[in-house]
N, C-alpha and C. Protein backbone atom coordinates (compact mmCIF):
# COMPACT_ATOMS: atom_id res chain seq x y z
N MET A 1 -6.65 -30.73 -1.79
CA MET A 1 -5.52 -29.63 -1.36
C MET A 1 -4.99 -30.04 0.32
N ASP A 2 -3.84 -29.76 0.42
CA ASP A 2 -3.35 -30.03 1.68
C ASP A 2 -3.92 -29.05 2.92
N ALA A 3 -4.00 -29.70 3.97
CA ALA A 3 -4.85 -28.79 4.86
C ALA A 3 -4.09 -27.65 5.52
N LYS A 4 -2.57 -27.70 5.78
CA LYS A 4 -1.60 -26.67 5.87
C LYS A 4 -1.72 -25.66 4.97
N LEU A 5 -1.66 -26.20 3.48
CA LEU A 5 -1.81 -24.93 2.39
C LEU A 5 -3.04 -24.41 2.32
N ARG A 6 -4.44 -25.18 2.68
CA ARG A 6 -5.35 -24.29 2.62
C ARG A 6 -5.64 -23.27 3.76
N GLN A 7 -4.86 -23.72 5.03
CA GLN A 7 -4.92 -23.01 6.32
C GLN A 7 -4.05 -21.54 5.80
N ALA A 8 -2.87 -21.74 5.21
CA ALA A 8 -2.12 -20.74 4.60
C ALA A 8 -3.04 -19.77 3.86
N GLY A 9 -3.48 -20.13 2.91
CA GLY A 9 -4.40 -19.51 2.02
C GLY A 9 -5.35 -18.72 2.65
N ASP A 10 -6.21 -19.21 3.72
CA ASP A 10 -7.12 -18.54 4.44
C ASP A 10 -6.68 -17.37 5.05
N LEU A 11 -5.35 -17.74 5.96
CA LEU A 11 -4.66 -16.76 6.41
C LEU A 11 -4.27 -15.49 5.81
N LEU A 12 -3.81 -15.72 4.55
CA LEU A 12 -3.40 -14.72 3.52
C LEU A 12 -4.70 -14.09 2.94
N VAL A 13 -5.71 -14.73 2.71
CA VAL A 13 -7.09 -14.06 2.53
C VAL A 13 -7.33 -13.01 3.42
N ASN A 14 -7.26 -13.59 4.77
CA ASN A 14 -7.68 -12.62 5.80
C ASN A 14 -6.79 -11.37 6.03
N ALA A 15 -5.28 -11.66 5.86
CA ALA A 15 -4.37 -10.51 5.93
C ALA A 15 -4.44 -9.65 4.73
N LEU A 16 -4.61 -9.97 3.51
CA LEU A 16 -4.75 -9.12 2.34
C LEU A 16 -6.12 -8.43 2.36
N GLY A 17 -7.15 -8.94 2.86
CA GLY A 17 -8.47 -8.35 3.16
C GLY A 17 -8.35 -7.16 4.26
N ARG A 18 -7.69 -7.15 5.10
CA ARG A 18 -7.54 -6.44 6.28
C ARG A 18 -6.60 -5.29 5.50
N GLN A 19 -5.57 -5.46 5.00
CA GLN A 19 -4.67 -4.62 4.29
C GLN A 19 -5.51 -3.54 3.29
N SER A 20 -6.19 -4.20 2.50
CA SER A 20 -6.82 -3.79 1.26
C SER A 20 -7.97 -2.86 2.08
N ALA A 21 -8.62 -3.23 3.04
CA ALA A 21 -9.66 -2.32 3.57
C ALA A 21 -8.89 -1.13 4.31
N PHE A 22 -7.79 -1.22 4.84
CA PHE A 22 -7.09 -0.26 5.42
C PHE A 22 -6.56 1.00 4.51
N TRP A 23 -6.26 0.44 3.44
CA TRP A 23 -5.88 1.33 2.19
C TRP A 23 -7.27 1.77 1.14
N GLY A 24 -8.28 1.50 1.67
CA GLY A 24 -9.48 2.07 1.02
C GLY A 24 -9.96 1.41 -0.30
N LEU A 25 -9.32 0.10 -0.41
CA LEU A 25 -9.63 -0.70 -1.77
C LEU A 25 -10.98 -1.44 -1.37
N GLY A 26 -11.22 -1.77 0.11
CA GLY A 26 -12.32 -2.79 0.28
C GLY A 26 -11.69 -4.10 0.58
N ARG A 27 -12.36 -4.70 1.57
CA ARG A 27 -11.72 -6.30 1.96
C ARG A 27 -11.70 -7.04 0.68
N THR A 28 -13.03 -7.07 -0.04
CA THR A 28 -13.00 -8.11 -0.96
C THR A 28 -11.84 -7.99 -1.94
N ALA A 29 -11.48 -6.83 -2.43
CA ALA A 29 -10.31 -6.79 -3.29
C ALA A 29 -9.12 -7.41 -2.90
N GLY A 30 -8.64 -7.12 -1.60
CA GLY A 30 -7.52 -7.81 -1.11
C GLY A 30 -7.69 -9.19 -1.01
N GLU A 31 -8.95 -9.72 -0.64
CA GLU A 31 -9.23 -11.02 -0.61
C GLU A 31 -8.92 -11.87 -1.78
N MET A 32 -9.49 -10.92 -3.02
CA MET A 32 -9.42 -11.62 -4.30
C MET A 32 -7.88 -11.76 -4.77
N TYR A 33 -7.25 -10.64 -4.40
CA TYR A 33 -5.84 -10.87 -4.86
C TYR A 33 -5.04 -12.09 -4.05
N ALA A 34 -5.32 -12.20 -2.85
CA ALA A 34 -4.93 -13.49 -2.06
C ALA A 34 -5.15 -14.79 -2.89
N VAL A 35 -6.46 -14.76 -3.38
CA VAL A 35 -6.74 -16.04 -3.93
C VAL A 35 -6.04 -16.18 -5.43
N LEU A 36 -5.84 -15.15 -5.99
CA LEU A 36 -5.10 -15.13 -7.34
C LEU A 36 -3.59 -15.20 -7.08
N CYS A 37 -3.22 -14.76 -6.05
CA CYS A 37 -1.74 -14.78 -5.84
C CYS A 37 -1.22 -16.23 -5.50
N LEU A 38 -2.07 -17.07 -4.79
CA LEU A 38 -1.64 -18.30 -4.41
C LEU A 38 -1.93 -19.26 -5.53
N ALA A 39 -2.89 -19.11 -6.49
CA ALA A 39 -3.30 -19.81 -7.59
C ALA A 39 -2.14 -20.31 -8.28
N SER A 40 -2.13 -21.30 -8.86
CA SER A 40 -1.23 -21.93 -9.64
C SER A 40 -1.37 -21.56 -11.07
N GLU A 41 -2.58 -21.39 -11.51
CA GLU A 41 -3.10 -21.13 -12.81
C GLU A 41 -4.23 -20.01 -12.67
N PRO A 42 -4.51 -19.40 -13.85
CA PRO A 42 -5.66 -18.28 -13.79
C PRO A 42 -6.99 -18.93 -13.39
N VAL A 43 -7.59 -17.88 -12.85
CA VAL A 43 -8.98 -18.15 -12.06
C VAL A 43 -10.04 -17.38 -12.49
N CYS A 44 -11.22 -18.09 -12.94
CA CYS A 44 -12.29 -17.42 -13.38
C CYS A 44 -13.02 -16.79 -12.39
N LEU A 45 -14.02 -15.48 -12.47
CA LEU A 45 -14.56 -15.03 -11.46
C LEU A 45 -15.51 -15.71 -10.58
N GLU A 46 -16.24 -16.78 -11.31
CA GLU A 46 -17.07 -17.63 -10.57
C GLU A 46 -16.39 -18.52 -9.56
N GLU A 47 -15.29 -18.82 -9.79
CA GLU A 47 -14.52 -19.57 -8.89
C GLU A 47 -13.85 -18.75 -7.88
N ILE A 48 -13.53 -17.57 -8.12
CA ILE A 48 -13.10 -16.71 -6.92
C ILE A 48 -14.49 -16.38 -6.01
N ALA A 49 -15.39 -16.06 -6.66
CA ALA A 49 -16.68 -15.99 -5.69
C ALA A 49 -16.94 -17.07 -4.88
N ARG A 50 -16.83 -18.26 -5.46
CA ARG A 50 -17.18 -19.67 -4.55
C ARG A 50 -16.17 -19.53 -3.63
N ARG A 51 -14.84 -19.55 -3.88
CA ARG A 51 -13.75 -19.62 -2.81
C ARG A 51 -14.12 -18.56 -1.73
N LEU A 52 -14.52 -17.41 -2.23
CA LEU A 52 -14.54 -16.33 -0.94
C LEU A 52 -15.65 -16.33 -0.42
N GLY A 53 -16.97 -16.98 -1.00
CA GLY A 53 -18.36 -17.12 -0.39
C GLY A 53 -19.02 -15.65 -0.66
N VAL A 54 -18.76 -14.97 -1.57
CA VAL A 54 -19.48 -13.78 -2.15
C VAL A 54 -20.07 -13.72 -3.22
N THR A 55 -20.69 -12.78 -3.65
CA THR A 55 -21.60 -12.77 -4.95
C THR A 55 -20.77 -12.27 -6.07
N LYS A 56 -20.94 -12.69 -7.23
CA LYS A 56 -20.20 -12.39 -8.35
C LYS A 56 -20.08 -10.78 -8.71
N GLY A 57 -21.31 -10.11 -8.19
CA GLY A 57 -21.36 -8.68 -8.39
C GLY A 57 -20.37 -8.05 -7.27
N ASN A 58 -20.12 -8.47 -6.26
CA ASN A 58 -18.99 -7.98 -5.46
C ASN A 58 -17.70 -8.16 -6.21
N ILE A 59 -17.36 -9.33 -6.83
CA ILE A 59 -16.25 -9.66 -7.20
C ILE A 59 -16.06 -8.87 -8.74
N SER A 60 -16.99 -8.31 -9.34
CA SER A 60 -17.13 -7.67 -10.48
C SER A 60 -16.30 -6.26 -10.18
N ILE A 61 -16.93 -5.56 -9.21
CA ILE A 61 -16.29 -4.50 -8.76
C ILE A 61 -14.96 -4.48 -8.34
N ALA A 62 -14.59 -5.25 -7.29
CA ALA A 62 -13.15 -5.36 -6.82
C ALA A 62 -12.08 -5.68 -8.03
N ILE A 63 -12.57 -6.95 -8.80
CA ILE A 63 -11.55 -7.16 -10.02
C ILE A 63 -11.04 -5.95 -10.78
N ARG A 64 -12.13 -5.01 -11.02
CA ARG A 64 -12.00 -3.64 -11.81
C ARG A 64 -10.90 -2.84 -11.08
N GLN A 65 -11.15 -2.90 -9.68
CA GLN A 65 -10.10 -1.97 -8.85
C GLN A 65 -8.50 -2.85 -9.09
N LEU A 66 -8.47 -3.88 -9.00
CA LEU A 66 -7.26 -4.60 -9.25
C LEU A 66 -6.56 -4.52 -10.34
N GLU A 67 -7.58 -4.38 -11.46
CA GLU A 67 -6.87 -4.35 -12.81
C GLU A 67 -6.29 -2.90 -13.00
N GLN A 68 -7.13 -1.66 -12.73
CA GLN A 68 -6.68 -0.40 -12.62
C GLN A 68 -5.27 -0.35 -11.77
N LEU A 69 -5.01 -0.92 -10.91
CA LEU A 69 -4.07 -0.89 -10.13
C LEU A 69 -2.57 -1.81 -10.84
N ALA A 70 -3.33 -2.47 -11.75
CA ALA A 70 -2.16 -3.41 -12.56
C ALA A 70 -1.85 -4.49 -11.28
N MET A 71 -2.53 -4.89 -10.58
CA MET A 71 -2.38 -6.02 -9.65
C MET A 71 -3.01 -7.23 -10.20
N VAL A 72 -3.65 -7.27 -11.10
CA VAL A 72 -4.02 -8.52 -11.93
C VAL A 72 -4.31 -8.31 -13.46
N ARG A 73 -4.40 -9.42 -14.23
CA ARG A 73 -4.54 -9.32 -15.52
C ARG A 73 -5.39 -10.28 -15.95
N ARG A 74 -6.11 -9.98 -17.10
CA ARG A 74 -7.12 -10.90 -17.82
C ARG A 74 -6.23 -11.99 -18.60
N CYS A 75 -6.79 -12.97 -18.66
CA CYS A 75 -6.45 -14.20 -19.53
C CYS A 75 -7.50 -14.99 -20.22
N TRP A 76 -7.30 -15.62 -21.38
CA TRP A 76 -8.45 -16.35 -21.90
C TRP A 76 -7.76 -17.85 -21.85
N ARG A 77 -8.75 -18.85 -22.12
CA ARG A 77 -8.41 -20.27 -22.42
C ARG A 77 -9.17 -20.58 -23.74
N ARG A 78 -8.48 -21.06 -24.66
CA ARG A 78 -9.18 -21.63 -25.84
C ARG A 78 -10.29 -22.43 -25.75
N GLY A 79 -11.24 -22.12 -26.38
CA GLY A 79 -12.70 -23.02 -26.16
C GLY A 79 -13.35 -22.59 -24.94
N ASP A 80 -13.12 -21.60 -24.33
CA ASP A 80 -13.88 -21.08 -22.98
C ASP A 80 -14.23 -19.78 -23.04
N ARG A 81 -15.26 -19.45 -23.04
CA ARG A 81 -15.79 -18.03 -23.25
C ARG A 81 -15.65 -17.26 -22.21
N ARG A 82 -15.39 -18.04 -20.79
CA ARG A 82 -15.27 -17.09 -19.49
C ARG A 82 -13.80 -16.31 -19.58
N VAL A 83 -13.91 -15.16 -18.79
CA VAL A 83 -12.70 -14.49 -18.54
C VAL A 83 -11.81 -15.38 -17.36
N PHE A 84 -10.61 -15.19 -17.33
CA PHE A 84 -9.82 -15.77 -16.28
C PHE A 84 -8.91 -14.59 -15.77
N PHE A 85 -8.40 -14.49 -14.56
CA PHE A 85 -7.40 -13.57 -14.18
C PHE A 85 -6.40 -14.22 -13.47
N GLU A 86 -5.21 -13.71 -13.41
CA GLU A 86 -3.89 -14.10 -12.90
C GLU A 86 -3.44 -12.86 -12.17
N ALA A 87 -2.87 -13.14 -10.92
CA ALA A 87 -2.06 -12.10 -10.15
C ALA A 87 -0.79 -11.65 -10.91
N GLU A 88 -0.39 -10.35 -10.52
CA GLU A 88 0.95 -9.80 -10.82
C GLU A 88 1.59 -10.10 -9.36
N THR A 89 2.81 -10.72 -9.66
CA THR A 89 3.66 -11.33 -8.43
C THR A 89 4.76 -10.50 -8.20
N ASP A 90 5.06 -9.54 -9.13
CA ASP A 90 5.91 -8.63 -8.65
C ASP A 90 5.57 -7.45 -7.77
N PHE A 91 5.80 -7.71 -6.38
CA PHE A 91 5.27 -6.82 -5.46
C PHE A 91 5.81 -5.47 -5.64
N TRP A 92 7.03 -5.29 -6.30
CA TRP A 92 7.57 -4.03 -6.30
C TRP A 92 6.94 -3.24 -7.41
N LYS A 93 6.60 -4.00 -8.42
CA LYS A 93 5.91 -3.46 -9.53
C LYS A 93 4.51 -2.77 -9.22
N ILE A 94 3.84 -3.73 -8.40
CA ILE A 94 2.58 -3.12 -7.74
C ILE A 94 2.89 -1.89 -6.81
N ALA A 95 3.68 -2.01 -6.02
CA ALA A 95 4.04 -0.69 -5.32
C ALA A 95 4.16 0.49 -6.11
N HIS A 96 4.94 0.42 -7.17
CA HIS A 96 5.14 1.40 -8.20
C HIS A 96 3.90 1.86 -8.72
N SER A 97 3.04 0.99 -9.12
CA SER A 97 1.85 1.24 -9.69
C SER A 97 0.87 1.86 -8.82
N VAL A 98 0.67 1.50 -7.61
CA VAL A 98 -0.41 1.89 -6.61
C VAL A 98 0.27 3.25 -6.25
N LEU A 99 1.54 3.64 -6.08
CA LEU A 99 2.18 5.04 -5.77
C LEU A 99 1.60 5.97 -6.90
N GLY A 100 1.81 5.38 -8.17
CA GLY A 100 1.70 6.52 -9.37
C GLY A 100 0.01 6.62 -9.58
N LEU A 101 -0.77 5.63 -9.47
CA LEU A 101 -2.07 5.81 -9.87
C LEU A 101 -2.92 6.37 -8.63
N ARG A 102 -2.62 6.03 -7.44
CA ARG A 102 -3.48 6.03 -6.31
C ARG A 102 -2.87 7.20 -5.29
N GLN A 103 -1.74 7.07 -4.75
CA GLN A 103 -1.09 7.74 -3.66
C GLN A 103 -0.70 8.98 -4.11
N LYS A 104 -0.17 9.27 -5.29
CA LYS A 104 0.56 10.44 -5.84
C LYS A 104 -0.76 11.43 -5.89
N PRO A 105 -1.78 11.00 -6.62
CA PRO A 105 -2.86 12.09 -6.66
C PRO A 105 -3.65 12.35 -5.53
N GLU A 106 -3.64 11.45 -4.43
CA GLU A 106 -4.06 11.74 -3.13
C GLU A 106 -3.31 12.92 -2.46
N PHE A 107 -2.04 12.58 -2.43
CA PHE A 107 -0.95 13.34 -1.94
C PHE A 107 -1.19 14.95 -2.35
N GLY A 108 -1.11 14.97 -3.72
CA GLY A 108 -1.51 16.18 -4.33
C GLY A 108 -2.75 16.96 -3.85
N GLU A 109 -3.78 16.33 -4.10
CA GLU A 109 -5.02 17.02 -3.49
C GLU A 109 -5.19 17.15 -1.93
N SER A 110 -4.59 16.45 -1.11
CA SER A 110 -4.36 16.85 0.17
C SER A 110 -3.62 17.95 0.44
N PHE A 111 -2.60 18.15 -0.43
CA PHE A 111 -1.44 19.02 -0.01
C PHE A 111 -2.16 20.63 -0.45
N LYS A 112 -2.99 20.32 -1.77
CA LYS A 112 -3.76 21.64 -2.06
C LYS A 112 -4.67 22.14 -0.90
N LEU A 113 -5.30 21.25 -0.13
CA LEU A 113 -6.35 21.60 0.68
C LEU A 113 -5.61 22.08 1.98
N VAL A 114 -4.17 21.55 2.44
CA VAL A 114 -3.67 22.20 3.39
C VAL A 114 -3.20 23.47 3.23
N THR A 115 -2.64 23.60 1.87
CA THR A 115 -2.09 25.00 1.41
C THR A 115 -3.10 26.12 1.51
N GLU A 116 -4.38 25.67 1.29
CA GLU A 116 -5.44 26.64 1.32
C GLU A 116 -5.90 26.85 2.58
N SER A 117 -5.95 25.97 3.57
CA SER A 117 -6.09 25.99 4.87
C SER A 117 -5.20 26.98 5.33
N ALA A 118 -3.94 26.86 5.39
CA ALA A 118 -2.76 27.74 5.73
C ALA A 118 -3.28 29.21 5.25
N ARG A 119 -3.22 29.36 3.79
CA ARG A 119 -3.60 30.56 3.35
C ARG A 119 -4.93 31.44 4.05
N LEU A 120 -6.02 30.63 4.46
CA LEU A 120 -7.09 31.12 4.95
C LEU A 120 -6.46 31.60 6.45
N ALA A 121 -6.01 30.80 7.11
CA ALA A 121 -5.40 31.20 8.52
C ALA A 121 -4.54 32.51 8.70
N THR A 122 -3.74 32.70 7.58
CA THR A 122 -3.13 33.66 7.56
C THR A 122 -4.00 35.11 7.58
N GLU A 123 -5.02 34.91 6.99
CA GLU A 123 -5.98 36.03 6.66
C GLU A 123 -6.81 36.29 8.15
N ALA A 124 -6.70 35.68 9.07
CA ALA A 124 -7.31 35.48 10.34
C ALA A 124 -6.79 36.81 11.23
N GLU A 125 -7.63 37.43 11.95
CA GLU A 125 -7.09 38.37 12.94
C GLU A 125 -6.27 37.79 13.85
N PRO A 126 -5.09 38.62 14.44
CA PRO A 126 -4.29 38.03 15.15
C PRO A 126 -4.64 37.78 16.66
N SER A 127 -4.06 36.36 16.97
CA SER A 127 -4.41 35.90 17.96
C SER A 127 -3.37 34.62 18.45
N SER A 128 -3.64 34.34 19.55
CA SER A 128 -2.73 33.09 19.85
C SER A 128 -3.24 31.67 19.13
N GLU A 129 -4.49 31.63 18.89
CA GLU A 129 -4.93 30.61 18.21
C GLU A 129 -4.49 30.63 16.89
N LYS A 130 -4.46 31.94 16.09
CA LYS A 130 -3.87 32.01 14.85
C LYS A 130 -2.72 31.50 14.72
N ASP A 131 -1.58 31.89 15.72
CA ASP A 131 -0.22 31.35 15.83
C ASP A 131 -0.01 30.02 15.89
N VAL A 132 -0.94 29.37 16.81
CA VAL A 132 -0.80 27.82 16.87
C VAL A 132 -1.19 27.20 15.53
N ALA A 133 -2.31 27.78 15.02
CA ALA A 133 -2.68 27.25 13.65
C ALA A 133 -1.72 27.23 12.62
N LEU A 134 -1.00 28.54 12.49
CA LEU A 134 -0.11 28.72 11.42
C LEU A 134 0.98 27.58 11.61
N GLU A 135 1.43 27.76 12.99
CA GLU A 135 2.59 26.97 13.27
C GLU A 135 2.33 25.34 12.90
N ARG A 136 1.50 24.80 13.20
CA ARG A 136 0.86 23.44 13.07
C ARG A 136 0.55 23.26 11.34
N LEU A 137 0.07 24.22 10.66
CA LEU A 137 0.07 24.04 9.38
C LEU A 137 1.20 24.08 8.56
N GLY A 138 2.09 25.04 9.09
CA GLY A 138 3.44 25.22 8.45
C GLY A 138 3.92 23.64 8.60
N ALA A 139 3.88 23.10 9.75
CA ALA A 139 4.73 21.68 9.77
C ALA A 139 4.17 20.75 9.31
N LEU A 140 2.65 20.67 8.83
CA LEU A 140 2.07 19.75 8.29
C LEU A 140 2.21 19.82 6.63
N GLN A 141 2.46 21.25 6.14
CA GLN A 141 3.11 21.60 4.87
C GLN A 141 4.39 20.99 4.59
N ASP A 142 5.40 21.18 5.58
CA ASP A 142 6.64 20.73 5.56
C ASP A 142 6.51 19.19 5.44
N PHE A 143 5.77 18.36 6.19
CA PHE A 143 5.50 16.99 6.20
C PHE A 143 4.95 16.55 4.75
N TYR A 144 4.09 17.17 4.30
CA TYR A 144 3.44 16.66 3.01
C TYR A 144 4.63 16.88 1.98
N ARG A 145 5.34 17.79 2.01
CA ARG A 145 6.55 18.18 1.02
C ARG A 145 7.50 16.97 1.04
N ALA A 146 7.76 16.65 2.27
CA ALA A 146 8.78 15.55 2.47
C ALA A 146 8.15 14.19 1.90
N LEU A 147 6.99 13.86 2.12
CA LEU A 147 6.39 12.90 1.53
C LEU A 147 6.25 12.86 0.09
N ASP A 148 5.77 13.97 -0.55
CA ASP A 148 5.82 14.10 -1.67
C ASP A 148 7.27 13.74 -2.61
N THR A 149 8.06 14.47 -1.86
CA THR A 149 9.56 14.18 -2.43
C THR A 149 9.81 12.62 -2.68
N MET A 150 9.54 11.92 -1.38
CA MET A 150 9.69 10.66 -1.43
C MET A 150 8.96 9.69 -2.35
N VAL A 151 7.70 10.11 -2.55
CA VAL A 151 6.77 9.51 -3.42
C VAL A 151 7.30 9.87 -5.04
N GLU A 152 7.88 11.01 -5.35
CA GLU A 152 8.53 11.33 -6.39
C GLU A 152 9.60 10.58 -6.78
N ALA A 153 10.72 10.40 -5.66
CA ALA A 153 11.76 9.50 -6.01
C ALA A 153 11.35 8.18 -6.24
N ALA A 154 10.37 7.68 -5.60
CA ALA A 154 10.14 6.17 -5.72
C ALA A 154 9.42 5.94 -7.26
N LEU A 155 8.81 7.05 -7.59
CA LEU A 155 8.09 6.80 -8.98
C LEU A 155 9.17 7.18 -9.93
N ALA A 156 10.28 7.84 -9.69
CA ALA A 156 11.52 7.91 -10.92
C ALA A 156 12.18 6.63 -10.93
N MET A 157 12.08 5.73 -10.01
CA MET A 157 12.67 4.59 -9.71
C MET A 157 11.96 3.45 -10.62
N ASN A 158 12.69 2.40 -11.36
CA ASN A 158 11.84 1.38 -11.74
C ASN A 158 11.54 0.33 -10.52
N PRO A 159 11.00 -0.70 -10.55
CA PRO A 159 10.45 -1.67 -9.38
C PRO A 159 12.20 -2.45 -8.95
N GLU A 160 12.96 -2.57 -9.76
CA GLU A 160 14.20 -3.22 -9.31
C GLU A 160 14.97 -1.97 -8.37
N GLN A 161 14.99 -0.92 -8.75
CA GLN A 161 15.67 0.10 -8.10
C GLN A 161 14.84 0.36 -6.60
N MET A 162 13.62 0.30 -6.63
CA MET A 162 12.73 0.34 -5.47
C MET A 162 13.21 -0.52 -4.29
N LYS A 163 13.35 -1.88 -4.91
CA LYS A 163 13.95 -2.86 -4.13
C LYS A 163 15.21 -2.72 -3.58
N ALA A 164 15.88 -2.57 -4.15
CA ALA A 164 17.39 -2.01 -3.89
C ALA A 164 17.22 -1.00 -2.72
N LEU A 165 16.59 0.03 -2.99
CA LEU A 165 16.66 1.18 -2.09
C LEU A 165 16.02 0.56 -0.73
N ALA A 166 15.01 -0.37 -0.52
CA ALA A 166 14.30 -0.88 0.42
C ALA A 166 15.41 -1.63 1.15
N GLU A 167 16.22 -2.52 0.40
CA GLU A 167 17.01 -3.33 1.11
C GLU A 167 18.18 -2.35 1.80
N MET A 168 18.72 -1.48 1.07
CA MET A 168 19.67 -0.66 1.55
C MET A 168 19.00 -0.08 2.92
N PHE A 169 17.77 0.38 2.90
CA PHE A 169 17.09 1.08 4.28
C PHE A 169 17.04 -0.03 5.42
N SER A 170 16.78 -1.37 4.85
CA SER A 170 16.75 -2.43 5.89
C SER A 170 18.15 -2.75 6.48
N ALA A 171 19.18 -2.51 5.55
CA ALA A 171 20.46 -3.08 6.14
C ALA A 171 20.89 -1.73 7.13
N PHE A 172 20.37 -0.36 6.77
CA PHE A 172 20.80 0.76 7.41
C PHE A 172 20.17 0.48 9.08
N LYS A 173 18.89 0.25 8.93
CA LYS A 173 18.17 0.20 9.94
C LYS A 173 18.72 -1.16 10.97
N SER A 174 19.02 -2.19 10.31
CA SER A 174 19.70 -3.26 11.07
C SER A 174 20.94 -2.48 11.80
N GLN A 175 21.65 -1.84 11.16
CA GLN A 175 23.09 -1.21 11.51
C GLN A 175 22.83 -0.36 12.76
N VAL A 176 21.76 0.56 12.70
CA VAL A 176 21.17 1.55 13.59
C VAL A 176 20.77 0.97 14.80
N VAL A 177 19.96 -0.27 14.93
CA VAL A 177 19.50 -0.83 15.83
C VAL A 177 20.37 -1.67 16.51
N GLY A 178 21.38 -2.25 15.67
CA GLY A 178 22.43 -3.11 16.39
C GLY A 178 23.47 -1.89 17.27
N GLU A 179 23.67 -0.86 16.83
CA GLU A 179 24.28 0.37 17.69
C GLU A 179 23.62 0.81 18.56
N GLU A 180 22.29 0.90 18.68
CA GLU A 180 21.38 1.47 19.75
C GLU A 180 21.56 0.34 20.75
N ARG A 181 21.56 -1.00 20.38
CA ARG A 181 21.59 -2.08 21.65
C ARG A 181 23.00 -2.30 22.03
N LYS A 182 24.03 -1.92 21.34
CA LYS A 182 25.15 -1.99 21.95
C LYS A 182 25.25 -0.76 22.81
N GLY A 183 24.87 0.28 22.69
CA GLY A 183 24.78 1.59 23.38
C GLY A 183 24.06 1.31 24.78
N GLU A 184 23.00 0.56 24.85
CA GLU A 184 22.14 0.18 25.84
C GLU A 184 22.95 -0.61 26.56
N GLN A 185 23.38 -1.62 26.05
CA GLN A 185 24.30 -2.37 26.81
C GLN A 185 25.50 -2.07 27.68
N GLY A 186 26.21 -1.12 26.90
CA GLY A 186 27.14 -0.34 27.36
C GLY A 186 26.78 0.67 28.74
N ASP A 187 25.34 1.21 28.51
CA ASP A 187 25.08 1.98 29.66
C ASP A 187 24.66 1.31 31.02
N GLU A 188 24.12 -0.07 30.41
CA GLU A 188 23.95 -1.18 31.64
C GLU A 188 24.88 -1.40 32.41
N THR A 189 26.08 -1.60 31.91
CA THR A 189 27.27 -2.15 32.12
C THR A 189 28.20 -0.83 33.06
N HIS A 190 27.74 0.25 32.64
CA HIS A 190 28.25 1.50 33.24
C HIS A 190 27.64 1.57 34.44
N ARG A 191 26.37 1.39 34.46
CA ARG A 191 25.50 1.72 35.63
C ARG A 191 25.81 0.56 36.77
N ALA A 192 26.26 -0.50 36.51
CA ALA A 192 26.42 -1.62 37.34
C ALA A 192 27.62 -1.55 37.97
């Protein structure tokens, strides 16, 4: 394998391992996905474990997580009893799956707890602390409602529609940032 390609793969393994750990899947799941994502053909668990320098036991747990999120799928080769895996490479499809299977249930559960917290706070004796708690819990409830609305909207879309919406937001951001820069330049000219 080309040295630059190997280095690129190592960096991707590190990047996706970090990202996966951040989202609570564990570092190994992200690292495995990186190996599979760059593989030109399906890879067996033994080979993934060898490439990452981890045990097959660690790999088995992580591969189940990736399968549940539809990030990888099983493959078989004629005459080979081993199970091989390949990565889903439609990243919008993965985002849709992760939102539906993982994030949406978490939003719902967290929102229930925040709502219960607010209900309990309303039952407290009148005080400035109660007022602060109710104000902040109300703001948090509004925030969760807005997040839930965005997730619901994303889940109502297919992956192609999600991509189109992201591209629209990107174009909007570019326009807003461009206008802000023009305004800053105008302010500097005006001050001079």
